[in-house]
Amino acid sequence: HSKVQHLVYASSSSVYGANVVQPFSEHHSVDHPVSLYAASKKANELM
């Protein structure tokens, strides 16, 4: 509503959850979090 030019927000490495392929890449799927904290950060990215 206030026309902010850029929103930068903290996500977390915890979103990688059950992923086993490393190093973790932003291009990987992150659909299997293993804590509510991780799920909330994944939700932030979707929002």
ModelCIF file with pLDDT and N, C-alpha, C, O atoms, coordinates in Angstrom:
data_MODEL
#
_entry.id   MODEL 
#
_entity.id                         1 
_entity.type                       polymer 
_entity.pdbx_number_of_molecules   1 
#
_entity_poly.entity_id                      1 
_entity_poly.type                           'polypeptide(L)' 
_entity_poly.nstd_linkage                   no 
_entity_poly.nstd_monomer                   no 
_entity_poly.pdbx_seq_one_letter_code       HSKVQHLVYASSSSVYGANVVQPFSEHHSVDHPVSLYAASKKANELM 
_entity_poly.pdbx_seq_one_letter_code_can   HSKVQHLVYASSSSVYGANVVQPFSEHHSVDHPVSLYAASKKANELM 
_entity_poly.pdbx_strand_id                 A 
#
loop_
_entity_poly_seq.entity_id 
_entity_poly_seq.num 
_entity_poly_seq.mon_id 
_entity_poly_seq.hetero 
1 1  HIS n 
1 2  SER n 
1 3  LYS n 
1 4  VAL n 
1 5  GLN n 
1 6  HIS n 
1 7  LEU n 
1 8  VAL n 
1 9  TYR n 
1 10 ALA n 
1 11 SER n 
1 12 SER n 
1 13 SER n 
1 14 SER n 
1 15 VAL n 
1 16 TYR n 
1 17 GLY n 
1 18 ALA n 
1 19 ASN n 
1 20 VAL n 
1 21 VAL n 
1 22 GLN n 
1 23 PRO n 
1 24 PHE n 
1 25 SER n 
1 26 GLU n 
1 27 HIS n 
1 28 HIS n 
1 29 SER n 
1 30 VAL n 
1 31 ASP n 
1 32 HIS n 
1 33 PRO n 
1 34 VAL n 
1 35 SER n 
1 36 LEU n 
1 37 TYR n 
1 38 ALA n 
1 39 ALA n 
1 40 SER n 
1 41 LYS n 
1 42 LYS n 
1 43 ALA n 
1 44 ASN n 
1 45 GLU n 
1 46 LEU n 
1 47 MET n 
#
_struct_asym.id          A 
_struct_asym.entity_id   1 
#
loop_
_ma_qa_metric.id 
_ma_qa_metric.mode 
_ma_qa_metric.name 
_ma_qa_metric.software_group_id 
_ma_qa_metric.type 
1 global pLDDT . pLDDT 
2 local  pLDDT . pLDDT 
#
_ma_qa_metric_global.metric_id      1 
_ma_qa_metric_global.metric_value   94.96 
_ma_qa_metric_global.model_id       1 
_ma_qa_metric_global.ordinal_id     1 
#
loop_
_ma_qa_metric_local.label_asym_id 
_ma_qa_metric_local.label_comp_id 
_ma_qa_metric_local.label_seq_id 
_ma_qa_metric_local.metric_id 
_ma_qa_metric_local.metric_value 
_ma_qa_metric_local.model_id 
_ma_qa_metric_local.ordinal_id 
A HIS 1  2 98.00 1 1  
A SER 2  2 98.00 1 2  
A LYS 3  2 97.00 1 3  
A VAL 4  2 98.00 1 4  
A GLN 5  2 98.00 1 5  
A HIS 6  2 98.00 1 6  
A LEU 7  2 98.00 1 7  
A VAL 8  2 98.00 1 8  
A TYR 9  2 98.00 1 9  
A ALA 10 2 98.00 1 10 
A SER 11 2 97.00 1 11 
A SER 12 2 96.00 1 12 
A SER 13 2 95.00 1 13 
A SER 14 2 93.00 1 14 
A VAL 15 2 95.00 1 15 
A TYR 16 2 95.00 1 16 
A GLY 17 2 92.00 1 17 
A ALA 18 2 85.00 1 18 
A ASN 19 2 91.00 1 19 
A VAL 20 2 87.00 1 20 
A VAL 21 2 93.00 1 21 
A GLN 22 2 93.00 1 22 
A PRO 23 2 96.00 1 23 
A PHE 24 2 96.00 1 24 
A SER 25 2 97.00 1 25 
A GLU 26 2 97.00 1 26 
A HIS 27 2 95.00 1 27 
A HIS 28 2 94.00 1 28 
A SER 29 2 92.00 1 29 
A VAL 30 2 94.00 1 30 
A ASP 31 2 92.00 1 31 
A HIS 32 2 93.00 1 32 
A PRO 33 2 92.00 1 33 
A VAL 34 2 91.00 1 34 
A SER 35 2 91.00 1 35 
A LEU 36 2 93.00 1 36 
A TYR 37 2 93.00 1 37 
A ALA 38 2 93.00 1 38 
A ALA 39 2 95.00 1 39 
A SER 40 2 96.00 1 40 
A LYS 41 2 96.00 1 41 
A LYS 42 2 97.00 1 42 
A ALA 43 2 97.00 1 43 
A ASN 44 2 98.00 1 44 
A GLU 45 2 98.00 1 45 
A LEU 46 2 98.00 1 46 
A MET 47 2 98.00 1 47 
#
loop_
_atom_site.group_PDB 
_atom_site.id 
_atom_site.type_symbol 
_atom_site.label_atom_id 
_atom_site.label_alt_id 
_atom_site.label_comp_id 
_atom_site.label_asym_id 
_atom_site.label_entity_id 
_atom_site.label_seq_id 
_atom_site.pdbx_PDB_ins_code 
_atom_site.Cartn_x 
_atom_site.Cartn_y 
_atom_site.Cartn_z 
_atom_site.occupancy 
_atom_site.B_iso_or_equiv 
_atom_site.pdbx_formal_charge 
_atom_site.auth_seq_id 
_atom_site.auth_comp_id 
_atom_site.auth_asym_id 
_atom_site.auth_atom_id 
_atom_site.pdbx_PDB_model_num 
ATOM 1   N N  . HIS A 1 1  ? 0.810  -1.223  0.000  1.00 98.00 ? 1  HIS A N  1 
ATOM 2   C CA . HIS A 1 1  ? 0.000  0.000   0.000  1.00 98.00 ? 1  HIS A CA 1 
ATOM 3   C C  . HIS A 1 1  ? 0.842  1.272   0.000  1.00 98.00 ? 1  HIS A C  1 
ATOM 4   O O  . HIS A 1 1  ? 0.369  2.322   -0.435 1.00 98.00 ? 1  HIS A O  1 
ATOM 5   N N  . SER A 1 2  ? 2.070  1.196   0.476  1.00 98.00 ? 2  SER A N  1 
ATOM 6   C CA . SER A 1 2  ? 2.915  2.398   0.510  1.00 98.00 ? 2  SER A CA 1 
ATOM 7   C C  . SER A 1 2  ? 3.951  2.404   -0.612 1.00 98.00 ? 2  SER A C  1 
ATOM 8   O O  . SER A 1 2  ? 4.860  3.235   -0.617 1.00 98.00 ? 2  SER A O  1 
ATOM 9   N N  . LYS A 1 3  ? 3.814  1.479   -1.561 1.00 97.00 ? 3  LYS A N  1 
ATOM 10  C CA . LYS A 1 3  ? 4.660  1.462   -2.769 1.00 97.00 ? 3  LYS A CA 1 
ATOM 11  C C  . LYS A 1 3  ? 6.153  1.368   -2.438 1.00 97.00 ? 3  LYS A C  1 
ATOM 12  O O  . LYS A 1 3  ? 6.969  2.090   -3.010 1.00 97.00 ? 3  LYS A O  1 
ATOM 13  N N  . VAL A 1 4  ? 6.502  0.473   -1.510 1.00 98.00 ? 4  VAL A N  1 
ATOM 14  C CA . VAL A 1 4  ? 7.908  0.255   -1.172 1.00 98.00 ? 4  VAL A CA 1 
ATOM 15  C C  . VAL A 1 4  ? 8.644  -0.266  -2.404 1.00 98.00 ? 4  VAL A C  1 
ATOM 16  O O  . VAL A 1 4  ? 8.115  -1.096  -3.144 1.00 98.00 ? 4  VAL A O  1 
ATOM 17  N N  . GLN A 1 5  ? 9.873  0.228   -2.623 1.00 98.00 ? 5  GLN A N  1 
ATOM 18  C CA . GLN A 1 5  ? 10.636 -0.116  -3.824 1.00 98.00 ? 5  GLN A CA 1 
ATOM 19  C C  . GLN A 1 5  ? 11.157 -1.553  -3.807 1.00 98.00 ? 5  GLN A C  1 
ATOM 20  O O  . GLN A 1 5  ? 11.299 -2.179  -4.857 1.00 98.00 ? 5  GLN A O  1 
ATOM 21  N N  . HIS A 1 6  ? 11.442 -2.073  -2.605 1.00 98.00 ? 6  HIS A N  1 
ATOM 22  C CA . HIS A 1 6  ? 12.033 -3.418  -2.508 1.00 98.00 ? 6  HIS A CA 1 
ATOM 23  C C  . HIS A 1 6  ? 11.875 -3.939  -1.090 1.00 98.00 ? 6  HIS A C  1 
ATOM 24  O O  . HIS A 1 6  ? 12.254 -3.270  -0.129 1.00 98.00 ? 6  HIS A O  1 
ATOM 25  N N  . LEU A 1 7  ? 11.320 -5.122  -0.964 1.00 98.00 ? 7  LEU A N  1 
ATOM 26  C CA . LEU A 1 7  ? 11.240 -5.813  0.320  1.00 98.00 ? 7  LEU A CA 1 
ATOM 27  C C  . LEU A 1 7  ? 12.254 -6.953  0.326  1.00 98.00 ? 7  LEU A C  1 
ATOM 28  O O  . LEU A 1 7  ? 12.185 -7.859  -0.504 1.00 98.00 ? 7  LEU A O  1 
ATOM 29  N N  . VAL A 1 8  ? 13.192 -6.900  1.265  1.00 98.00 ? 8  VAL A N  1 
ATOM 30  C CA . VAL A 1 8  ? 14.147 -7.980  1.495  1.00 98.00 ? 8  VAL A CA 1 
ATOM 31  C C  . VAL A 1 8  ? 13.770 -8.632  2.819  1.00 98.00 ? 8  VAL A C  1 
ATOM 32  O O  . VAL A 1 8  ? 13.539 -7.931  3.805  1.00 98.00 ? 8  VAL A O  1 
ATOM 33  N N  . TYR A 1 9  ? 13.705 -9.952  2.858  1.00 98.00 ? 9  TYR A N  1 
ATOM 34  C CA . TYR A 1 9  ? 13.253 -10.613 4.080  1.00 98.00 ? 9  TYR A CA 1 
ATOM 35  C C  . TYR A 1 9  ? 14.118 -11.832 4.373  1.00 98.00 ? 9  TYR A C  1 
ATOM 36  O O  . TYR A 1 9  ? 14.714 -12.428 3.476  1.00 98.00 ? 9  TYR A O  1 
ATOM 37  N N  . ALA A 1 10 ? 14.168 -12.181 5.645  1.00 98.00 ? 10 ALA A N  1 
ATOM 38  C CA . ALA A 1 10 ? 14.963 -13.320 6.091  1.00 98.00 ? 10 ALA A CA 1 
ATOM 39  C C  . ALA A 1 10 ? 14.188 -14.610 5.917  1.00 98.00 ? 10 ALA A C  1 
ATOM 40  O O  . ALA A 1 10 ? 13.130 -14.807 6.514  1.00 98.00 ? 10 ALA A O  1 
ATOM 41  N N  . SER A 1 11 ? 14.740 -15.491 5.081  1.00 97.00 ? 11 SER A N  1 
ATOM 42  C CA . SER A 1 11 ? 14.291 -16.874 5.063  1.00 97.00 ? 11 SER A CA 1 
ATOM 43  C C  . SER A 1 11 ? 15.344 -17.652 5.853  1.00 97.00 ? 11 SER A C  1 
ATOM 44  O O  . SER A 1 11 ? 16.000 -17.077 6.722  1.00 97.00 ? 11 SER A O  1 
ATOM 45  N N  . SER A 1 12 ? 15.518 -18.923 5.578  1.00 96.00 ? 12 SER A N  1 
ATOM 46  C CA . SER A 1 12 ? 16.433 -19.723 6.382  1.00 96.00 ? 12 SER A CA 1 
ATOM 47  C C  . SER A 1 12 ? 16.876 -20.966 5.628  1.00 96.00 ? 12 SER A C  1 
ATOM 48  O O  . SER A 1 12 ? 16.145 -21.499 4.794  1.00 96.00 ? 12 SER A O  1 
ATOM 49  N N  . SER A 1 13 ? 18.085 -21.418 5.935  1.00 95.00 ? 13 SER A N  1 
ATOM 50  C CA . SER A 1 13 ? 18.559 -22.683 5.362  1.00 95.00 ? 13 SER A CA 1 
ATOM 51  C C  . SER A 1 13 ? 17.693 -23.852 5.815  1.00 95.00 ? 13 SER A C  1 
ATOM 52  O O  . SER A 1 13 ? 17.717 -24.918 5.200  1.00 95.00 ? 13 SER A O  1 
ATOM 53  N N  . SER A 1 14 ? 16.930 -23.658 6.884  1.00 93.00 ? 14 SER A N  1 
ATOM 54  C CA . SER A 1 14 ? 16.084 -24.745 7.383  1.00 93.00 ? 14 SER A CA 1 
ATOM 55  C C  . SER A 1 14 ? 15.008 -25.150 6.383  1.00 93.00 ? 14 SER A C  1 
ATOM 56  O O  . SER A 1 14 ? 14.436 -26.232 6.510  1.00 93.00 ? 14 SER A O  1 
ATOM 57  N N  . VAL A 1 15 ? 14.713 -24.300 5.381  1.00 95.00 ? 15 VAL A N  1 
ATOM 58  C CA . VAL A 1 15 ? 13.681 -24.667 4.413  1.00 95.00 ? 15 VAL A CA 1 
ATOM 59  C C  . VAL A 1 15 ? 14.086 -25.896 3.596  1.00 95.00 ? 15 VAL A C  1 
ATOM 60  O O  . VAL A 1 15 ? 13.229 -26.568 3.021  1.00 95.00 ? 15 VAL A O  1 
ATOM 61  N N  . TYR A 1 16 ? 15.389 -26.191 3.544  1.00 95.00 ? 16 TYR A N  1 
ATOM 62  C CA . TYR A 1 16 ? 15.837 -27.350 2.771  1.00 95.00 ? 16 TYR A CA 1 
ATOM 63  C C  . TYR A 1 16 ? 15.431 -28.662 3.426  1.00 95.00 ? 16 TYR A C  1 
ATOM 64  O O  . TYR A 1 16 ? 15.377 -29.698 2.763  1.00 95.00 ? 16 TYR A O  1 
ATOM 65  N N  . GLY A 1 17 ? 15.145 -28.623 4.731  1.00 92.00 ? 17 GLY A N  1 
ATOM 66  C CA . GLY A 1 17 ? 14.530 -29.750 5.423  1.00 92.00 ? 17 GLY A CA 1 
ATOM 67  C C  . GLY A 1 17 ? 15.135 -31.098 5.130  1.00 92.00 ? 17 GLY A C  1 
ATOM 68  O O  . GLY A 1 17 ? 16.300 -31.350 5.439  1.00 92.00 ? 17 GLY A O  1 
ATOM 69  N N  . ALA A 1 18 ? 14.334 -31.975 4.528  1.00 85.00 ? 18 ALA A N  1 
ATOM 70  C CA . ALA A 1 18 ? 14.743 -33.352 4.288  1.00 85.00 ? 18 ALA A CA 1 
ATOM 71  C C  . ALA A 1 18 ? 15.602 -33.517 3.034  1.00 85.00 ? 18 ALA A C  1 
ATOM 72  O O  . ALA A 1 18 ? 15.953 -34.642 2.676  1.00 85.00 ? 18 ALA A O  1 
ATOM 73  N N  . ASN A 1 19 ? 15.943 -32.424 2.366  1.00 91.00 ? 19 ASN A N  1 
ATOM 74  C CA . ASN A 1 19 ? 16.810 -32.534 1.179  1.00 91.00 ? 19 ASN A CA 1 
ATOM 75  C C  . ASN A 1 19 ? 18.144 -33.181 1.542  1.00 91.00 ? 19 ASN A C  1 
ATOM 76  O O  . ASN A 1 19 ? 18.694 -32.917 2.611  1.00 91.00 ? 19 ASN A O  1 
ATOM 77  N N  . VAL A 1 20 ? 18.656 -34.018 0.662  1.00 87.00 ? 20 VAL A N  1 
ATOM 78  C CA . VAL A 1 20 ? 19.941 -34.671 0.919  1.00 87.00 ? 20 VAL A CA 1 
ATOM 79  C C  . VAL A 1 20 ? 21.003 -34.294 -0.112 1.00 87.00 ? 20 VAL A C  1 
ATOM 80  O O  . VAL A 1 20 ? 22.192 -34.509 0.123  1.00 87.00 ? 20 VAL A O  1 
ATOM 81  N N  . VAL A 1 21 ? 20.595 -33.739 -1.242 1.00 93.00 ? 21 VAL A N  1 
ATOM 82  C CA . VAL A 1 21 ? 21.557 -33.317 -2.265 1.00 93.00 ? 21 VAL A CA 1 
ATOM 83  C C  . VAL A 1 21 ? 22.216 -32.016 -1.813 1.00 93.00 ? 21 VAL A C  1 
ATOM 84  O O  . VAL A 1 21 ? 21.535 -31.019 -1.572 1.00 93.00 ? 21 VAL A O  1 
ATOM 85  N N  . GLN A 1 22 ? 23.545 -32.031 -1.698 1.00 93.00 ? 22 GLN A N  1 
ATOM 86  C CA . GLN A 1 22 ? 24.271 -30.841 -1.259 1.00 93.00 ? 22 GLN A CA 1 
ATOM 87  C C  . GLN A 1 22 ? 25.415 -30.551 -2.209 1.00 93.00 ? 22 GLN A C  1 
ATOM 88  O O  . GLN A 1 22 ? 25.921 -31.472 -2.850 1.00 93.00 ? 22 GLN A O  1 
ATOM 89  N N  . PRO A 1 23 ? 25.853 -29.262 -2.326 1.00 96.00 ? 23 PRO A N  1 
ATOM 90  C CA . PRO A 1 23 ? 25.366 -28.124 -1.562 1.00 96.00 ? 23 PRO A CA 1 
ATOM 91  C C  . PRO A 1 23 ? 23.927 -27.751 -1.932 1.00 96.00 ? 23 PRO A C  1 
ATOM 92  O O  . PRO A 1 23 ? 23.482 -27.967 -3.059 1.00 96.00 ? 23 PRO A O  1 
ATOM 93  N N  . PHE A 1 24 ? 23.213 -27.187 -0.952 1.00 96.00 ? 24 PHE A N  1 
ATOM 94  C CA . PHE A 1 24 ? 21.844 -26.758 -1.174 1.00 96.00 ? 24 PHE A CA 1 
ATOM 95  C C  . PHE A 1 24 ? 21.816 -25.603 -2.174 1.00 96.00 ? 24 PHE A C  1 
ATOM 96  O O  . PHE A 1 24 ? 22.549 -24.625 -2.030 1.00 96.00 ? 24 PHE A O  1 
ATOM 97  N N  . SER A 1 25 ? 20.971 -25.729 -3.175 1.00 97.00 ? 25 SER A N  1 
ATOM 98  C CA . SER A 1 25 ? 20.837 -24.700 -4.199 1.00 97.00 ? 25 SER A CA 1 
ATOM 99  C C  . SER A 1 25 ? 19.427 -24.119 -4.182 1.00 97.00 ? 25 SER A C  1 
ATOM 100 O O  . SER A 1 25 ? 18.458 -24.825 -3.903 1.00 97.00 ? 25 SER A O  1 
ATOM 101 N N  . GLU A 1 26 ? 19.323 -22.836 -4.480 1.00 97.00 ? 26 GLU A N  1 
ATOM 102 C CA . GLU A 1 26 ? 18.016 -22.183 -4.584 1.00 97.00 ? 26 GLU A CA 1 
ATOM 103 C C  . GLU A 1 26 ? 17.159 -22.818 -5.682 1.00 97.00 ? 26 GLU A C  1 
ATOM 104 O O  . GLU A 1 26 ? 15.938 -22.660 -5.692 1.00 97.00 ? 26 GLU A O  1 
ATOM 105 N N  . HIS A 1 27 ? 17.795 -23.527 -6.591 1.00 95.00 ? 27 HIS A N  1 
ATOM 106 C CA . HIS A 1 27 ? 17.064 -24.150 -7.694 1.00 95.00 ? 27 HIS A CA 1 
ATOM 107 C C  . HIS A 1 27 ? 16.454 -25.489 -7.302 1.00 95.00 ? 27 HIS A C  1 
ATOM 108 O O  . HIS A 1 27 ? 15.695 -26.077 -8.071 1.00 95.00 ? 27 HIS A O  1 
ATOM 109 N N  . HIS A 1 28 ? 16.789 -25.979 -6.089 1.00 94.00 ? 28 HIS A N  1 
ATOM 110 C CA . HIS A 1 28 ? 16.215 -27.231 -5.596 1.00 94.00 ? 28 HIS A CA 1 
ATOM 111 C C  . HIS A 1 28 ? 14.807 -27.009 -5.041 1.00 94.00 ? 28 HIS A C  1 
ATOM 112 O O  . HIS A 1 28 ? 14.469 -25.909 -4.603 1.00 94.00 ? 28 HIS A O  1 
ATOM 113 N N  . SER A 1 29 ? 14.001 -28.050 -5.063 1.00 92.00 ? 29 SER A N  1 
ATOM 114 C CA . SER A 1 29 ? 12.700 -28.011 -4.410 1.00 92.00 ? 29 SER A CA 1 
ATOM 115 C C  . SER A 1 29 ? 12.885 -27.979 -2.889 1.00 92.00 ? 29 SER A C  1 
ATOM 116 O O  . SER A 1 29 ? 13.798 -28.605 -2.352 1.00 92.00 ? 29 SER A O  1 
ATOM 117 N N  . VAL A 1 30 ? 12.002 -27.237 -2.204 1.00 94.00 ? 30 VAL A N  1 
ATOM 118 C CA . VAL A 1 30 ? 12.064 -27.189 -0.727 1.00 94.00 ? 30 VAL A CA 1 
ATOM 119 C C  . VAL A 1 30 ? 10.665 -27.453 -0.160 1.00 94.00 ? 30 VAL A C  1 
ATOM 120 O O  . VAL A 1 30 ? 10.125 -26.656 0.607  1.00 94.00 ? 30 VAL A O  1 
ATOM 121 N N  . ASP A 1 31 ? 10.104 -28.578 -0.555 1.00 92.00 ? 31 ASP A N  1 
ATOM 122 C CA . ASP A 1 31 ? 8.726  -28.897 -0.189 1.00 92.00 ? 31 ASP A CA 1 
ATOM 123 C C  . ASP A 1 31 ? 8.597  -29.864 0.980  1.00 92.00 ? 31 ASP A C  1 
ATOM 124 O O  . ASP A 1 31 ? 7.501  -30.348 1.264  1.00 92.00 ? 31 ASP A O  1 
ATOM 125 N N  . HIS A 1 32 ? 9.724  -30.154 1.673  1.00 93.00 ? 32 HIS A N  1 
ATOM 126 C CA . HIS A 1 32 ? 9.648  -31.128 2.765  1.00 93.00 ? 32 HIS A CA 1 
ATOM 127 C C  . HIS A 1 32 ? 10.345 -30.603 4.021  1.00 93.00 ? 32 HIS A C  1 
ATOM 128 O O  . HIS A 1 32 ? 11.368 -31.153 4.429  1.00 93.00 ? 32 HIS A O  1 
ATOM 129 N N  . PRO A 1 33 ? 9.806  -29.547 4.639  1.00 92.00 ? 33 PRO A N  1 
ATOM 130 C CA . PRO A 1 33 ? 10.388 -29.026 5.884  1.00 92.00 ? 33 PRO A CA 1 
ATOM 131 C C  . PRO A 1 33 ? 10.230 -30.042 7.015  1.00 92.00 ? 33 PRO A C  1 
ATOM 132 O O  . PRO A 1 33 ? 9.333  -30.884 6.989  1.00 92.00 ? 33 PRO A O  1 
ATOM 133 N N  . VAL A 1 34 ? 11.123 -29.946 8.014  1.00 91.00 ? 34 VAL A N  1 
ATOM 134 C CA . VAL A 1 34 ? 11.062 -30.900 9.129  1.00 91.00 ? 34 VAL A CA 1 
ATOM 135 C C  . VAL A 1 34 ? 10.848 -30.191 10.472 1.00 91.00 ? 34 VAL A C  1 
ATOM 136 O O  . VAL A 1 34 ? 11.040 -30.798 11.526 1.00 91.00 ? 34 VAL A O  1 
ATOM 137 N N  . SER A 1 35 ? 10.456 -28.919 10.442 1.00 91.00 ? 35 SER A N  1 
ATOM 138 C CA . SER A 1 35 ? 10.073 -28.199 11.662 1.00 91.00 ? 35 SER A CA 1 
ATOM 139 C C  . SER A 1 35 ? 9.074  -27.117 11.269 1.00 91.00 ? 35 SER A C  1 
ATOM 140 O O  . SER A 1 35 ? 9.031  -26.688 10.116 1.00 91.00 ? 35 SER A O  1 
ATOM 141 N N  . LEU A 1 36 ? 8.272  -26.680 12.237 1.00 93.00 ? 36 LEU A N  1 
ATOM 142 C CA . LEU A 1 36 ? 7.312  -25.615 11.963 1.00 93.00 ? 36 LEU A CA 1 
ATOM 143 C C  . LEU A 1 36 ? 8.032  -24.313 11.628 1.00 93.00 ? 36 LEU A C  1 
ATOM 144 O O  . LEU A 1 36 ? 7.553  -23.531 10.807 1.00 93.00 ? 36 LEU A O  1 
ATOM 145 N N  . TYR A 1 37 ? 9.186  -24.077 12.262 1.00 93.00 ? 37 TYR A N  1 
ATOM 146 C CA . TYR A 1 37 ? 9.976  -22.890 11.931 1.00 93.00 ? 37 TYR A CA 1 
ATOM 147 C C  . TYR A 1 37 ? 10.320 -22.897 10.445 1.00 93.00 ? 37 TYR A C  1 
ATOM 148 O O  . TYR A 1 37 ? 10.132 -21.893 9.757  1.00 93.00 ? 37 TYR A O  1 
ATOM 149 N N  . ALA A 1 38 ? 10.822 -24.022 9.950  1.00 93.00 ? 38 ALA A N  1 
ATOM 150 C CA . ALA A 1 38 ? 11.172 -24.134 8.538  1.00 93.00 ? 38 ALA A CA 1 
ATOM 151 C C  . ALA A 1 38 ? 9.942  -23.936 7.653  1.00 93.00 ? 38 ALA A C  1 
ATOM 152 O O  . ALA A 1 38 ? 10.014 -23.259 6.627  1.00 93.00 ? 38 ALA A O  1 
ATOM 153 N N  . ALA A 1 39 ? 8.825  -24.523 8.048  1.00 95.00 ? 39 ALA A N  1 
ATOM 154 C CA . ALA A 1 39 ? 7.590  -24.379 7.270  1.00 95.00 ? 39 ALA A CA 1 
ATOM 155 C C  . ALA A 1 39 ? 7.148  -22.926 7.211  1.00 95.00 ? 39 ALA A C  1 
ATOM 156 O O  . ALA A 1 39 ? 6.657  -22.470 6.179  1.00 95.00 ? 39 ALA A O  1 
ATOM 157 N N  . SER A 1 40 ? 7.318  -22.194 8.309  1.00 96.00 ? 40 SER A N  1 
ATOM 158 C CA . SER A 1 40 ? 6.916  -20.780 8.318  1.00 96.00 ? 40 SER A CA 1 
ATOM 159 C C  . SER A 1 40 ? 7.794  -19.950 7.391  1.00 96.00 ? 40 SER A C  1 
ATOM 160 O O  . SER A 1 40 ? 7.317  -18.998 6.774  1.00 96.00 ? 40 SER A O  1 
ATOM 161 N N  . LYS A 1 41 ? 9.070  -20.301 7.288  1.00 96.00 ? 41 LYS A N  1 
ATOM 162 C CA . LYS A 1 41 ? 9.975  -19.575 6.390  1.00 96.00 ? 41 LYS A CA 1 
ATOM 163 C C  . LYS A 1 41 ? 9.681  -19.913 4.925  1.00 96.00 ? 41 LYS A C  1 
ATOM 164 O O  . LYS A 1 41 ? 9.732  -19.033 4.066  1.00 96.00 ? 41 LYS A O  1 
ATOM 165 N N  . LYS A 1 42 ? 9.377  -21.168 4.642  1.00 97.00 ? 42 LYS A N  1 
ATOM 166 C CA . LYS A 1 42 ? 8.943  -21.553 3.302  1.00 97.00 ? 42 LYS A CA 1 
ATOM 167 C C  . LYS A 1 42 ? 7.657  -20.805 2.947  1.00 97.00 ? 42 LYS A C  1 
ATOM 168 O O  . LYS A 1 42 ? 7.499  -20.329 1.823  1.00 97.00 ? 42 LYS A O  1 
ATOM 169 N N  . ALA A 1 43 ? 6.745  -20.705 3.908  1.00 97.00 ? 43 ALA A N  1 
ATOM 170 C CA . ALA A 1 43 ? 5.498  -19.969 3.679  1.00 97.00 ? 43 ALA A CA 1 
ATOM 171 C C  . ALA A 1 43 ? 5.778  -18.507 3.345  1.00 97.00 ? 43 ALA A C  1 
ATOM 172 O O  . ALA A 1 43 ? 5.116  -17.930 2.483  1.00 97.00 ? 43 ALA A O  1 
ATOM 173 N N  . ASN A 1 44 ? 6.749  -17.910 4.019  1.00 98.00 ? 44 ASN A N  1 
ATOM 174 C CA . ASN A 1 44 ? 7.110  -16.519 3.721  1.00 98.00 ? 44 ASN A CA 1 
ATOM 175 C C  . ASN A 1 44 ? 7.521  -16.352 2.271  1.00 98.00 ? 44 ASN A C  1 
ATOM 176 O O  . ASN A 1 44 ? 7.138  -15.379 1.621  1.00 98.00 ? 44 ASN A O  1 
ATOM 177 N N  . GLU A 1 45 ? 8.302  -17.302 1.757  1.00 98.00 ? 45 GLU A N  1 
ATOM 178 C CA . GLU A 1 45 ? 8.732  -17.226 0.358  1.00 98.00 ? 45 GLU A CA 1 
ATOM 179 C C  . GLU A 1 45 ? 7.532  -17.306 -0.585 1.00 98.00 ? 45 GLU A C  1 
ATOM 180 O O  . GLU A 1 45 ? 7.472  -16.580 -1.577 1.00 98.00 ? 45 GLU A O  1 
ATOM 181 N N  . LEU A 1 46 ? 6.591  -18.175 -0.281 1.00 98.00 ? 46 LEU A N  1 
ATOM 182 C CA . LEU A 1 46 ? 5.394  -18.310 -1.112 1.00 98.00 ? 46 LEU A CA 1 
ATOM 183 C C  . LEU A 1 46 ? 4.528  -17.053 -1.035 1.00 98.00 ? 46 LEU A C  1 
ATOM 184 O O  . LEU A 1 46 ? 4.005  -16.593 -2.050 1.00 98.00 ? 46 LEU A O  1 
ATOM 185 N N  . MET A 1 47 ? 4.380  -16.504 0.158  1.00 98.00 ? 47 MET A N  1 
ATOM 186 C CA . MET A 1 47 ? 3.591  -15.288 0.336  1.00 98.00 ? 47 MET A CA 1 
ATOM 187 C C  . MET A 1 47 ? 4.214  -14.118 -0.424 1.00 98.00 ? 47 MET A C  1 
ATOM 188 O O  . MET A 1 47 ? 3.684  -13.008 -0.390 1.00 98.00 ? 47 MET A O  1 
#
